[in-house]
N, C-alpha and C. Protein backbone atom coordinates (compact mmCIF):
# COMPACT_ATOMS: atom_id res chain seq x y z
N MET A 1 43.18 28.45 -62.14
CA MET A 1 44.50 28.86 -61.63
C MET A 1 45.10 27.72 -60.81
N LYS A 2 46.34 27.41 -61.09
CA LYS A 2 46.99 26.31 -60.40
C LYS A 2 47.20 26.67 -58.93
N LYS A 3 46.86 25.72 -58.04
CA LYS A 3 47.03 25.95 -56.61
C LYS A 3 48.51 25.93 -56.24
N LYS A 4 48.82 26.80 -55.31
CA LYS A 4 50.18 26.85 -54.80
C LYS A 4 50.20 26.28 -53.39
N TRP A 5 51.15 25.41 -53.13
CA TRP A 5 51.25 24.78 -51.82
C TRP A 5 52.55 25.20 -51.15
N LEU A 6 52.46 25.38 -49.85
CA LEU A 6 53.64 25.78 -49.10
C LEU A 6 53.66 25.05 -47.78
N CYS A 7 54.76 24.44 -47.43
CA CYS A 7 54.88 23.75 -46.14
C CYS A 7 56.19 24.19 -45.50
N LEU A 8 56.11 24.77 -44.31
CA LEU A 8 57.29 25.24 -43.61
C LEU A 8 57.31 24.66 -42.20
N LEU A 9 58.46 24.23 -41.73
CA LEU A 9 58.62 23.73 -40.36
C LEU A 9 59.38 24.76 -39.54
N ALA A 10 59.08 24.76 -38.22
CA ALA A 10 59.69 25.72 -37.31
C ALA A 10 59.54 27.13 -37.84
N PHE A 11 58.30 27.46 -38.19
CA PHE A 11 58.01 28.76 -38.81
C PHE A 11 57.81 29.82 -37.74
N ILE A 12 58.50 30.94 -37.87
CA ILE A 12 58.38 32.01 -36.88
C ILE A 12 58.35 33.36 -37.59
N GLY A 13 57.38 34.22 -37.12
CA GLY A 13 57.39 35.63 -37.51
C GLY A 13 57.10 35.90 -38.96
N ALA A 14 55.86 35.69 -39.39
CA ALA A 14 55.46 36.05 -40.75
C ALA A 14 54.18 36.85 -40.68
N PHE A 15 53.71 37.38 -41.84
CA PHE A 15 52.48 38.16 -41.81
C PHE A 15 51.80 38.15 -43.17
N PHE A 16 50.46 38.39 -43.12
CA PHE A 16 49.67 38.61 -44.32
C PHE A 16 49.25 40.07 -44.34
N CYS A 17 49.30 40.74 -45.46
CA CYS A 17 48.74 42.08 -45.60
C CYS A 17 47.40 41.95 -46.32
N ILE A 18 46.32 42.15 -45.60
CA ILE A 18 44.99 42.01 -46.17
C ILE A 18 44.35 43.40 -46.20
N TYR A 19 44.31 44.00 -47.39
CA TYR A 19 43.83 45.36 -47.52
C TYR A 19 44.60 46.24 -46.54
N SER A 20 43.91 46.91 -45.60
CA SER A 20 44.60 47.79 -44.67
C SER A 20 44.98 47.08 -43.38
N GLU A 21 44.62 45.80 -43.25
CA GLU A 21 44.90 45.06 -42.02
C GLU A 21 46.03 44.07 -42.25
N THR A 22 46.90 43.97 -41.28
CA THR A 22 47.98 42.99 -41.31
C THR A 22 47.70 41.89 -40.30
N ILE A 23 47.81 40.63 -40.73
CA ILE A 23 47.65 39.50 -39.83
C ILE A 23 49.03 38.92 -39.56
N TYR A 24 49.48 39.01 -38.32
CA TYR A 24 50.76 38.43 -37.93
C TYR A 24 50.52 37.03 -37.36
N PHE A 25 51.43 36.10 -37.64
CA PHE A 25 51.25 34.75 -37.11
C PHE A 25 52.59 34.08 -36.88
N SER A 26 52.58 33.08 -36.00
CA SER A 26 53.78 32.28 -35.76
C SER A 26 53.36 30.93 -35.22
N GLY A 27 54.26 29.94 -35.31
CA GLY A 27 53.97 28.61 -34.81
C GLY A 27 55.14 27.68 -35.04
N ASP A 28 55.06 26.46 -34.51
CA ASP A 28 56.13 25.49 -34.69
C ASP A 28 56.15 24.93 -36.11
N SER A 29 54.96 24.78 -36.71
CA SER A 29 54.89 24.31 -38.09
C SER A 29 53.72 24.96 -38.80
N LEU A 30 53.82 25.05 -40.12
CA LEU A 30 52.81 25.75 -40.91
C LEU A 30 52.57 25.01 -42.21
N ILE A 31 51.30 24.94 -42.62
CA ILE A 31 50.92 24.47 -43.95
C ILE A 31 50.00 25.51 -44.56
N ALA A 32 50.28 25.93 -45.78
CA ALA A 32 49.47 26.97 -46.41
C ALA A 32 49.21 26.63 -47.87
N LYS A 33 48.03 27.03 -48.35
CA LYS A 33 47.72 26.88 -49.77
C LYS A 33 46.84 28.04 -50.20
N THR A 34 46.96 28.43 -51.45
CA THR A 34 46.16 29.51 -51.99
C THR A 34 45.55 29.08 -53.31
N SER A 35 44.36 29.58 -53.58
CA SER A 35 43.71 29.37 -54.86
C SER A 35 43.08 30.69 -55.29
N GLU A 36 42.39 30.68 -56.39
CA GLU A 36 41.83 31.91 -56.93
C GLU A 36 40.79 32.52 -55.99
N ASN A 37 40.00 31.67 -55.31
CA ASN A 37 38.89 32.18 -54.50
C ASN A 37 39.05 31.94 -53.01
N SER A 38 40.12 31.31 -52.59
CA SER A 38 40.24 30.99 -51.18
C SER A 38 41.70 30.84 -50.78
N GLU A 39 41.95 31.11 -49.50
CA GLU A 39 43.27 30.91 -48.93
C GLU A 39 43.13 30.07 -47.66
N TYR A 40 44.19 29.34 -47.33
CA TYR A 40 44.15 28.49 -46.14
C TYR A 40 45.55 28.41 -45.55
N THR A 41 45.62 28.61 -44.24
CA THR A 41 46.88 28.45 -43.52
C THR A 41 46.59 27.79 -42.19
N SER A 42 47.36 26.77 -41.84
CA SER A 42 47.21 26.12 -40.54
C SER A 42 48.53 26.22 -39.78
N LEU A 43 48.42 26.53 -38.49
CA LEU A 43 49.57 26.64 -37.61
C LEU A 43 49.42 25.60 -36.51
N ASP A 44 50.47 24.83 -36.28
CA ASP A 44 50.40 23.74 -35.30
C ASP A 44 51.53 23.88 -34.30
N GLY A 45 51.18 23.89 -33.00
CA GLY A 45 52.19 23.99 -31.95
C GLY A 45 52.57 25.42 -31.63
N ASN A 46 52.25 25.85 -30.41
CA ASN A 46 52.57 27.23 -29.98
C ASN A 46 52.10 28.26 -31.01
N ALA A 47 50.89 28.06 -31.51
CA ALA A 47 50.37 28.93 -32.57
C ALA A 47 49.92 30.27 -32.00
N GLU A 48 50.23 31.33 -32.73
CA GLU A 48 49.82 32.68 -32.35
C GLU A 48 49.38 33.44 -33.59
N VAL A 49 48.29 34.21 -33.43
CA VAL A 49 47.81 35.08 -34.50
C VAL A 49 47.44 36.43 -33.90
N LYS A 50 47.80 37.50 -34.60
CA LYS A 50 47.44 38.84 -34.14
C LYS A 50 46.90 39.64 -35.30
N THR A 51 45.69 40.22 -35.10
CA THR A 51 45.10 41.13 -36.07
C THR A 51 44.98 42.50 -35.41
N ASP A 52 44.33 43.43 -36.10
CA ASP A 52 44.11 44.75 -35.49
C ASP A 52 43.26 44.65 -34.24
N ASP A 53 42.37 43.63 -34.18
CA ASP A 53 41.42 43.51 -33.07
C ASP A 53 41.77 42.43 -32.06
N LEU A 54 42.41 41.35 -32.51
CA LEU A 54 42.58 40.17 -31.67
C LEU A 54 44.02 39.72 -31.53
N GLU A 55 44.30 39.15 -30.36
CA GLU A 55 45.51 38.36 -30.15
C GLU A 55 45.06 36.98 -29.69
N ILE A 56 45.52 35.92 -30.37
CA ILE A 56 45.09 34.56 -30.05
C ILE A 56 46.31 33.66 -29.92
N GLN A 57 46.33 32.85 -28.85
CA GLN A 57 47.32 31.80 -28.69
C GLN A 57 46.57 30.48 -28.54
N ALA A 58 47.06 29.42 -29.18
CA ALA A 58 46.39 28.12 -29.11
C ALA A 58 47.34 27.02 -29.55
N ASP A 59 46.92 25.77 -29.33
CA ASP A 59 47.70 24.64 -29.82
C ASP A 59 47.65 24.57 -31.35
N PHE A 60 46.46 24.93 -31.90
CA PHE A 60 46.27 24.81 -33.35
C PHE A 60 45.39 25.97 -33.83
N ILE A 61 45.79 26.63 -34.91
CA ILE A 61 45.02 27.74 -35.48
C ILE A 61 44.94 27.59 -36.99
N GLU A 62 43.74 27.80 -37.54
CA GLU A 62 43.53 27.83 -38.99
C GLU A 62 43.07 29.22 -39.40
N ILE A 63 43.60 29.71 -40.51
CA ILE A 63 43.15 30.97 -41.12
C ILE A 63 42.69 30.62 -42.52
N SER A 64 41.41 30.88 -42.84
CA SER A 64 40.87 30.38 -44.10
C SER A 64 39.85 31.34 -44.70
N GLY A 65 39.36 30.96 -45.90
CA GLY A 65 38.35 31.75 -46.59
C GLY A 65 38.96 32.80 -47.49
N LYS A 66 38.12 33.45 -48.26
CA LYS A 66 38.59 34.51 -49.15
C LYS A 66 39.15 35.66 -48.32
N ASP A 67 40.34 36.10 -48.67
CA ASP A 67 41.03 37.16 -47.93
C ASP A 67 41.24 36.79 -46.46
N PHE A 68 41.37 35.46 -46.20
CA PHE A 68 41.61 34.97 -44.84
C PHE A 68 40.57 35.52 -43.86
N ARG A 69 39.29 35.34 -44.24
CA ARG A 69 38.19 35.90 -43.45
C ARG A 69 38.02 35.23 -42.09
N PHE A 70 38.24 33.91 -42.02
CA PHE A 70 37.91 33.15 -40.81
C PHE A 70 39.17 32.72 -40.06
N ILE A 71 39.10 32.82 -38.73
CA ILE A 71 40.16 32.33 -37.86
C ILE A 71 39.54 31.31 -36.90
N THR A 72 40.08 30.10 -36.89
CA THR A 72 39.58 29.04 -36.01
C THR A 72 40.74 28.53 -35.16
N ALA A 73 40.51 28.45 -33.85
CA ALA A 73 41.56 28.00 -32.93
C ALA A 73 41.01 26.89 -32.04
N SER A 74 41.89 25.98 -31.63
CA SER A 74 41.47 24.88 -30.76
C SER A 74 42.62 24.45 -29.87
N GLY A 75 42.25 23.86 -28.72
CA GLY A 75 43.25 23.35 -27.79
C GLY A 75 43.92 24.45 -26.98
N ARG A 76 43.53 24.62 -25.74
CA ARG A 76 44.13 25.61 -24.83
C ARG A 76 44.20 27.00 -25.49
N VAL A 77 43.03 27.49 -25.85
CA VAL A 77 42.94 28.79 -26.52
C VAL A 77 42.91 29.91 -25.48
N SER A 78 43.65 30.97 -25.73
CA SER A 78 43.61 32.15 -24.87
C SER A 78 43.93 33.37 -25.72
N GLY A 79 43.64 34.55 -25.17
CA GLY A 79 43.95 35.76 -25.92
C GLY A 79 43.20 36.96 -25.38
N LYS A 80 43.13 37.99 -26.21
CA LYS A 80 42.45 39.22 -25.81
C LYS A 80 41.90 39.94 -27.03
N ASN A 81 40.79 40.65 -26.81
CA ASN A 81 40.25 41.55 -27.82
C ASN A 81 40.81 42.93 -27.53
N LEU A 82 41.65 43.43 -28.41
CA LEU A 82 42.36 44.68 -28.17
C LEU A 82 41.44 45.88 -28.27
N THR A 83 40.36 45.76 -29.03
CA THR A 83 39.43 46.87 -29.22
C THR A 83 38.46 47.00 -28.05
N SER A 84 37.96 45.86 -27.55
CA SER A 84 36.92 45.87 -26.52
C SER A 84 37.44 45.64 -25.10
N ASN A 85 38.74 45.42 -24.96
CA ASN A 85 39.34 45.18 -23.64
C ASN A 85 38.75 43.96 -22.94
N PHE A 86 38.65 42.85 -23.69
CA PHE A 86 38.28 41.55 -23.15
C PHE A 86 39.49 40.63 -23.20
N SER A 87 39.71 39.85 -22.15
CA SER A 87 40.64 38.73 -22.23
C SER A 87 39.81 37.46 -22.12
N PHE A 88 40.30 36.34 -22.69
CA PHE A 88 39.47 35.14 -22.74
C PHE A 88 40.33 33.88 -22.77
N SER A 89 39.67 32.77 -22.42
CA SER A 89 40.25 31.44 -22.60
C SER A 89 39.11 30.48 -22.88
N CYS A 90 39.39 29.43 -23.65
CA CYS A 90 38.37 28.43 -24.00
C CYS A 90 39.08 27.27 -24.68
N GLU A 91 38.30 26.32 -25.18
CA GLU A 91 38.89 25.18 -25.89
C GLU A 91 38.74 25.31 -27.40
N ARG A 92 37.74 26.09 -27.85
CA ARG A 92 37.54 26.31 -29.29
C ARG A 92 37.10 27.74 -29.53
N LEU A 93 37.59 28.32 -30.62
CA LEU A 93 37.21 29.69 -30.98
C LEU A 93 37.06 29.80 -32.49
N HIS A 94 36.01 30.51 -32.91
CA HIS A 94 35.82 30.81 -34.33
C HIS A 94 35.56 32.30 -34.46
N TYR A 95 36.31 32.97 -35.33
CA TYR A 95 36.19 34.43 -35.47
C TYR A 95 36.04 34.80 -36.94
N ASP A 96 35.04 35.65 -37.21
CA ASP A 96 34.78 36.16 -38.56
C ASP A 96 35.31 37.59 -38.62
N ARG A 97 36.33 37.82 -39.43
CA ARG A 97 36.95 39.14 -39.49
C ARG A 97 36.06 40.19 -40.15
N ILE A 98 35.06 39.75 -40.92
CA ILE A 98 34.17 40.69 -41.59
C ILE A 98 33.03 41.13 -40.66
N THR A 99 32.33 40.15 -40.07
CA THR A 99 31.21 40.48 -39.18
C THR A 99 31.68 40.88 -37.79
N LYS A 100 32.94 40.58 -37.46
CA LYS A 100 33.51 40.86 -36.14
C LYS A 100 32.79 40.08 -35.03
N VAL A 101 32.33 38.87 -35.36
CA VAL A 101 31.67 38.02 -34.38
C VAL A 101 32.60 36.87 -34.00
N ALA A 102 32.77 36.67 -32.70
CA ALA A 102 33.60 35.58 -32.19
C ALA A 102 32.73 34.60 -31.42
N LEU A 103 32.90 33.31 -31.68
CA LEU A 103 32.20 32.26 -30.94
C LEU A 103 33.22 31.47 -30.14
N LEU A 104 33.08 31.48 -28.82
CA LEU A 104 33.97 30.76 -27.92
C LEU A 104 33.19 29.60 -27.31
N GLU A 105 33.79 28.40 -27.31
CA GLU A 105 33.07 27.21 -26.86
C GLU A 105 33.91 26.37 -25.91
N SER A 106 33.21 25.75 -24.95
CA SER A 106 33.76 24.78 -24.01
C SER A 106 34.69 25.42 -22.98
N ALA A 107 34.24 25.39 -21.72
CA ALA A 107 35.01 25.93 -20.59
C ALA A 107 35.48 27.36 -20.86
N VAL A 108 34.53 28.21 -21.23
CA VAL A 108 34.86 29.58 -21.63
C VAL A 108 35.01 30.48 -20.39
N GLU A 109 36.07 31.26 -20.37
CA GLU A 109 36.28 32.29 -19.36
C GLU A 109 36.49 33.61 -20.09
N LEU A 110 35.70 34.62 -19.71
CA LEU A 110 35.78 35.93 -20.35
C LEU A 110 35.89 36.99 -19.27
N HIS A 111 36.85 37.90 -19.43
CA HIS A 111 37.06 38.95 -18.43
C HIS A 111 37.00 40.31 -19.10
N ASP A 112 36.00 41.10 -18.72
CA ASP A 112 35.92 42.49 -19.15
C ASP A 112 36.86 43.28 -18.25
N THR A 113 38.08 43.48 -18.72
CA THR A 113 39.10 44.11 -17.88
C THR A 113 38.80 45.58 -17.60
N GLU A 114 38.05 46.20 -18.49
CA GLU A 114 37.72 47.61 -18.32
C GLU A 114 36.76 47.83 -17.15
N ASN A 115 35.81 46.89 -16.96
CA ASN A 115 34.79 47.03 -15.92
C ASN A 115 34.91 45.97 -14.83
N ASP A 116 35.94 45.14 -14.91
CA ASP A 116 36.19 44.07 -13.94
C ASP A 116 34.98 43.16 -13.78
N VAL A 117 34.46 42.69 -14.91
CA VAL A 117 33.36 41.73 -14.92
C VAL A 117 33.93 40.38 -15.36
N GLN A 118 33.74 39.36 -14.52
CA GLN A 118 34.23 38.01 -14.81
C GLN A 118 33.05 37.15 -15.26
N ILE A 119 33.22 36.43 -16.39
CA ILE A 119 32.15 35.62 -16.94
C ILE A 119 32.68 34.23 -17.27
N SER A 120 31.88 33.21 -16.95
CA SER A 120 32.20 31.85 -17.39
C SER A 120 30.92 31.22 -17.94
N ALA A 121 31.08 30.35 -18.95
CA ALA A 121 29.95 29.66 -19.58
C ALA A 121 30.50 28.58 -20.48
N GLN A 122 29.62 27.77 -21.03
CA GLN A 122 30.05 26.76 -21.99
C GLN A 122 30.08 27.30 -23.41
N SER A 123 29.36 28.40 -23.65
CA SER A 123 29.35 29.01 -24.98
C SER A 123 29.12 30.51 -24.84
N ILE A 124 29.97 31.30 -25.50
CA ILE A 124 29.80 32.75 -25.51
C ILE A 124 30.01 33.25 -26.94
N GLU A 125 29.02 33.99 -27.44
CA GLU A 125 29.15 34.64 -28.74
C GLU A 125 29.27 36.14 -28.50
N TYR A 126 30.36 36.72 -29.01
CA TYR A 126 30.58 38.15 -28.80
C TYR A 126 30.59 38.88 -30.14
N ASN A 127 29.71 39.89 -30.24
CA ASN A 127 29.63 40.73 -31.43
C ASN A 127 30.35 42.04 -31.14
N GLN A 128 31.49 42.22 -31.76
CA GLN A 128 32.30 43.40 -31.48
C GLN A 128 31.63 44.69 -31.96
N LYS A 129 30.84 44.61 -33.04
CA LYS A 129 30.19 45.81 -33.57
C LYS A 129 29.11 46.33 -32.63
N THR A 130 28.35 45.43 -32.00
CA THR A 130 27.30 45.84 -31.08
C THR A 130 27.77 45.86 -29.63
N ASP A 131 28.94 45.29 -29.38
CA ASP A 131 29.51 45.19 -28.03
C ASP A 131 28.60 44.38 -27.10
N ILE A 132 28.03 43.30 -27.64
CA ILE A 132 27.12 42.44 -26.88
C ILE A 132 27.65 41.02 -26.86
N ALA A 133 27.67 40.42 -25.66
CA ALA A 133 28.07 39.02 -25.49
C ALA A 133 26.85 38.21 -25.06
N THR A 134 26.60 37.10 -25.77
CA THR A 134 25.50 36.20 -25.43
C THR A 134 26.08 34.91 -24.86
N MET A 135 25.74 34.62 -23.60
CA MET A 135 26.30 33.46 -22.90
C MET A 135 25.23 32.38 -22.74
N GLN A 136 25.64 31.11 -22.89
CA GLN A 136 24.71 30.00 -22.75
C GLN A 136 25.35 28.85 -21.96
N ILE A 137 24.52 28.19 -21.17
CA ILE A 137 24.85 26.97 -20.42
C ILE A 137 25.85 27.24 -19.29
N GLU A 138 25.38 26.99 -18.07
CA GLU A 138 26.22 27.13 -16.86
C GLU A 138 26.86 28.53 -16.79
N VAL A 139 26.02 29.53 -16.97
CA VAL A 139 26.52 30.91 -16.98
C VAL A 139 26.77 31.38 -15.55
N ARG A 140 27.91 32.00 -15.35
CA ARG A 140 28.24 32.62 -14.06
C ARG A 140 28.92 33.95 -14.35
N LEU A 141 28.37 35.02 -13.79
CA LEU A 141 28.92 36.36 -14.00
C LEU A 141 29.12 37.02 -12.64
N THR A 142 30.32 37.55 -12.43
CA THR A 142 30.64 38.20 -11.16
C THR A 142 30.99 39.66 -11.42
N SER A 143 30.30 40.55 -10.69
CA SER A 143 30.57 41.98 -10.79
C SER A 143 30.41 42.60 -9.41
N LYS A 144 31.48 43.19 -8.90
CA LYS A 144 31.47 43.80 -7.57
C LYS A 144 30.99 42.77 -6.56
N ASP A 145 29.88 43.04 -5.85
CA ASP A 145 29.38 42.11 -4.84
C ASP A 145 28.35 41.14 -5.38
N SER A 146 28.03 41.22 -6.67
CA SER A 146 26.97 40.39 -7.25
C SER A 146 27.54 39.16 -7.94
N ILE A 147 26.97 37.99 -7.59
CA ILE A 147 27.29 36.74 -8.27
C ILE A 147 26.03 36.27 -8.99
N CYS A 148 26.07 36.26 -10.32
CA CYS A 148 24.89 35.94 -11.12
C CYS A 148 25.06 34.56 -11.77
N THR A 149 24.01 33.75 -11.72
CA THR A 149 24.02 32.45 -12.39
C THR A 149 22.72 32.29 -13.17
N SER A 150 22.80 31.59 -14.32
CA SER A 150 21.62 31.36 -15.15
C SER A 150 21.99 30.40 -16.28
N ALA A 151 20.98 30.02 -17.07
CA ALA A 151 21.23 29.19 -18.25
C ALA A 151 21.54 30.04 -19.47
N LEU A 152 21.04 31.28 -19.46
CA LEU A 152 21.25 32.20 -20.58
C LEU A 152 21.44 33.61 -20.04
N ALA A 153 22.36 34.36 -20.64
CA ALA A 153 22.57 35.74 -20.23
C ALA A 153 23.06 36.56 -21.42
N ILE A 154 22.66 37.82 -21.44
CA ILE A 154 23.11 38.75 -22.48
C ILE A 154 23.76 39.94 -21.79
N TYR A 155 25.04 40.16 -22.10
CA TYR A 155 25.80 41.24 -21.49
C TYR A 155 26.04 42.33 -22.53
N ASN A 156 25.42 43.50 -22.29
CA ASN A 156 25.63 44.66 -23.15
C ASN A 156 26.71 45.52 -22.50
N LYS A 157 27.92 45.42 -23.02
CA LYS A 157 29.05 46.10 -22.40
C LYS A 157 28.90 47.62 -22.47
N ALA A 158 28.42 48.12 -23.60
CA ALA A 158 28.28 49.57 -23.78
C ALA A 158 27.28 50.16 -22.79
N GLN A 159 26.17 49.44 -22.57
CA GLN A 159 25.13 49.91 -21.66
C GLN A 159 25.37 49.46 -20.22
N GLN A 160 26.36 48.61 -20.02
CA GLN A 160 26.66 48.08 -18.69
C GLN A 160 25.44 47.41 -18.07
N ARG A 161 24.82 46.51 -18.86
CA ARG A 161 23.60 45.85 -18.41
C ARG A 161 23.67 44.36 -18.73
N VAL A 162 23.19 43.54 -17.78
CA VAL A 162 23.12 42.10 -17.96
C VAL A 162 21.67 41.65 -17.83
N VAL A 163 21.18 40.88 -18.80
CA VAL A 163 19.85 40.29 -18.74
C VAL A 163 20.01 38.79 -18.55
N LEU A 164 19.46 38.26 -17.44
CA LEU A 164 19.60 36.85 -17.09
C LEU A 164 18.25 36.15 -17.24
N SER A 165 18.26 34.94 -17.82
CA SER A 165 17.04 34.14 -17.92
C SER A 165 17.42 32.66 -17.85
N GLY A 166 16.40 31.81 -17.64
CA GLY A 166 16.69 30.39 -17.47
C GLY A 166 17.17 30.12 -16.05
N SER A 167 16.22 30.11 -15.10
CA SER A 167 16.53 29.92 -13.66
C SER A 167 17.59 30.90 -13.18
N PRO A 168 17.40 32.20 -13.42
CA PRO A 168 18.42 33.16 -13.00
C PRO A 168 18.41 33.40 -11.50
N LYS A 169 19.58 33.67 -10.97
CA LYS A 169 19.72 33.98 -9.55
C LYS A 169 20.88 34.94 -9.35
N ILE A 170 20.68 35.90 -8.45
CA ILE A 170 21.75 36.80 -8.07
C ILE A 170 21.95 36.70 -6.56
N GLU A 171 23.17 36.45 -6.16
CA GLU A 171 23.54 36.45 -4.74
C GLU A 171 24.41 37.67 -4.49
N ARG A 172 24.04 38.45 -3.49
CA ARG A 172 24.80 39.64 -3.13
C ARG A 172 25.01 39.63 -1.63
N ASN A 173 26.23 39.33 -1.23
CA ASN A 173 26.51 39.08 0.18
C ASN A 173 25.61 37.94 0.65
N LYS A 174 24.70 38.19 1.59
CA LYS A 174 23.80 37.13 2.06
C LYS A 174 22.41 37.22 1.43
N ASP A 175 22.19 38.21 0.57
CA ASP A 175 20.89 38.40 -0.07
C ASP A 175 20.80 37.53 -1.33
N ILE A 176 19.58 37.03 -1.60
CA ILE A 176 19.35 36.18 -2.77
C ILE A 176 18.13 36.69 -3.53
N PHE A 177 18.26 36.80 -4.87
CA PHE A 177 17.17 37.26 -5.72
C PHE A 177 16.96 36.25 -6.84
N GLN A 178 15.68 35.84 -7.05
CA GLN A 178 15.35 34.90 -8.11
C GLN A 178 14.07 35.35 -8.81
N ALA A 179 13.97 35.06 -10.12
CA ALA A 179 12.79 35.43 -10.91
C ALA A 179 12.88 34.74 -12.26
N GLN A 180 11.88 34.97 -13.12
CA GLN A 180 11.96 34.42 -14.47
C GLN A 180 13.00 35.17 -15.29
N GLU A 181 13.11 36.47 -15.04
CA GLU A 181 14.12 37.29 -15.71
C GLU A 181 14.66 38.32 -14.73
N ILE A 182 15.97 38.49 -14.76
CA ILE A 182 16.62 39.48 -13.88
C ILE A 182 17.52 40.37 -14.73
N ILE A 183 17.42 41.67 -14.48
CA ILE A 183 18.28 42.64 -15.17
C ILE A 183 19.17 43.31 -14.13
N LEU A 184 20.47 43.28 -14.36
CA LEU A 184 21.43 43.90 -13.45
C LEU A 184 22.14 45.05 -14.14
N ASP A 185 22.11 46.22 -13.50
CA ASP A 185 22.88 47.36 -13.97
C ASP A 185 24.26 47.28 -13.32
N ILE A 186 25.28 47.04 -14.12
CA ILE A 186 26.63 46.84 -13.60
C ILE A 186 27.14 48.08 -12.86
N GLN A 187 26.85 49.24 -13.40
CA GLN A 187 27.39 50.48 -12.83
C GLN A 187 26.73 50.86 -11.52
N THR A 188 25.38 50.85 -11.50
CA THR A 188 24.65 51.28 -10.30
C THR A 188 24.35 50.12 -9.35
N GLU A 189 24.49 48.88 -9.83
CA GLU A 189 24.17 47.66 -9.08
C GLU A 189 22.67 47.50 -8.83
N GLU A 190 21.85 48.25 -9.56
CA GLU A 190 20.40 48.12 -9.44
C GLU A 190 19.94 46.79 -10.05
N ILE A 191 19.00 46.13 -9.38
CA ILE A 191 18.46 44.85 -9.84
C ILE A 191 16.98 45.01 -10.14
N LYS A 192 16.56 44.51 -11.32
CA LYS A 192 15.15 44.51 -11.69
C LYS A 192 14.71 43.06 -11.91
N LEU A 193 13.64 42.64 -11.22
CA LEU A 193 13.15 41.27 -11.31
C LEU A 193 11.78 41.25 -11.97
N ASP A 194 11.53 40.21 -12.78
CA ASP A 194 10.25 40.11 -13.48
C ASP A 194 9.80 38.65 -13.53
N GLY A 195 8.58 38.37 -13.03
CA GLY A 195 7.99 37.04 -13.13
C GLY A 195 8.44 36.07 -12.06
N LYS A 196 7.48 35.56 -11.28
CA LYS A 196 7.73 34.55 -10.24
C LYS A 196 8.90 34.96 -9.34
N ILE A 197 8.77 36.15 -8.79
CA ILE A 197 9.84 36.73 -7.98
C ILE A 197 9.88 36.08 -6.59
N ARG A 198 11.08 35.77 -6.15
CA ARG A 198 11.27 35.27 -4.79
C ARG A 198 12.71 35.57 -4.38
N GLY A 199 12.94 35.50 -3.07
CA GLY A 199 14.29 35.76 -2.59
C GLY A 199 14.32 35.97 -1.10
N SER A 200 15.45 36.43 -0.62
CA SER A 200 15.60 36.70 0.81
C SER A 200 16.64 37.79 1.00
N ILE A 201 16.38 38.64 2.00
CA ILE A 201 17.29 39.74 2.33
C ILE A 201 17.64 39.64 3.80
N VAL A 202 18.91 39.70 4.10
CA VAL A 202 19.39 39.58 5.47
C VAL A 202 19.73 40.96 6.02
N ASN A 203 19.10 41.30 7.15
CA ASN A 203 19.44 42.54 7.86
C ASN A 203 20.62 42.23 8.77
N GLU A 204 21.80 42.59 8.32
CA GLU A 204 23.02 42.20 9.04
C GLU A 204 23.11 42.86 10.41
N ASP A 205 22.61 44.10 10.53
CA ASP A 205 22.65 44.77 11.83
C ASP A 205 21.81 44.02 12.85
N ALA A 206 20.60 43.61 12.41
CA ALA A 206 19.71 42.87 13.31
C ALA A 206 20.30 41.51 13.65
N GLU A 207 20.94 40.88 12.65
CA GLU A 207 21.55 39.57 12.89
C GLU A 207 22.71 39.67 13.86
N ASP A 208 23.52 40.74 13.74
CA ASP A 208 24.64 40.93 14.65
C ASP A 208 24.16 41.15 16.08
N LYS A 209 23.07 41.94 16.22
CA LYS A 209 22.53 42.20 17.55
C LYS A 209 21.99 40.92 18.18
N LYS A 210 21.35 40.08 17.34
CA LYS A 210 20.81 38.81 17.85
C LYS A 210 21.94 37.90 18.32
N GLN A 211 23.04 37.87 17.55
CA GLN A 211 24.17 37.03 17.93
C GLN A 211 24.80 37.52 19.23
N GLU A 212 24.89 38.85 19.39
CA GLU A 212 25.44 39.41 20.62
C GLU A 212 24.56 39.09 21.82
N LYS A 213 23.23 39.14 21.59
CA LYS A 213 22.29 38.83 22.66
C LYS A 213 22.39 37.37 23.07
N ASP A 214 22.51 36.49 22.06
CA ASP A 214 22.63 35.05 22.34
C ASP A 214 23.90 34.76 23.15
N LYS A 215 24.99 35.48 22.82
CA LYS A 215 26.25 35.27 23.53
C LYS A 215 26.15 35.72 24.98
N SER A 216 25.46 36.86 25.19
CA SER A 216 25.33 37.40 26.55
C SER A 216 24.47 36.52 27.44
N GLU A 217 23.53 35.80 26.82
CA GLU A 217 22.67 34.91 27.59
C GLU A 217 23.39 33.59 27.89
């Protein structure tokens, strides 16, 4: 089948109907081609794509594969997952519309707006079907009074549980918890530590009394 090529400049407000899902897109310029087994569309400049699950804004976005299965974005990427109530920003994003898996890379910021959990890392893979996010490298997660850091973390949004490994540490006010593995219950704030446990807990009442005594002397 002969390939069809399409090049449009200053392209605004178009859409693909893919089975029951519609993909809306816009951008300053567009290049698209279709063949018997694959489709490809690239958006350059103020690029935006919206599916049933995702809204993405970026400098550059590609939609490719059979039935436009893959969405790849780069350069000042931001957006939200409409199904899971996540907002995000990063430098690169790859999303598979079939598996519902998104890979966010480089300076990643992820916000679970439903539970007010803030996450940053260099790489985050989110599986929408299991509602699990796997974070790697320079992981930092903030929830209520807990600040969690580690090299690797797995956030189960449905269960409201975070598993930290790779020099994990949780700071809560002035208290510090460290171990080989730490599990944090987001809802109850319960902490479970396993392996080479260490840390410190500050009795603020006793500390306040000591400071008052020192002042009186």
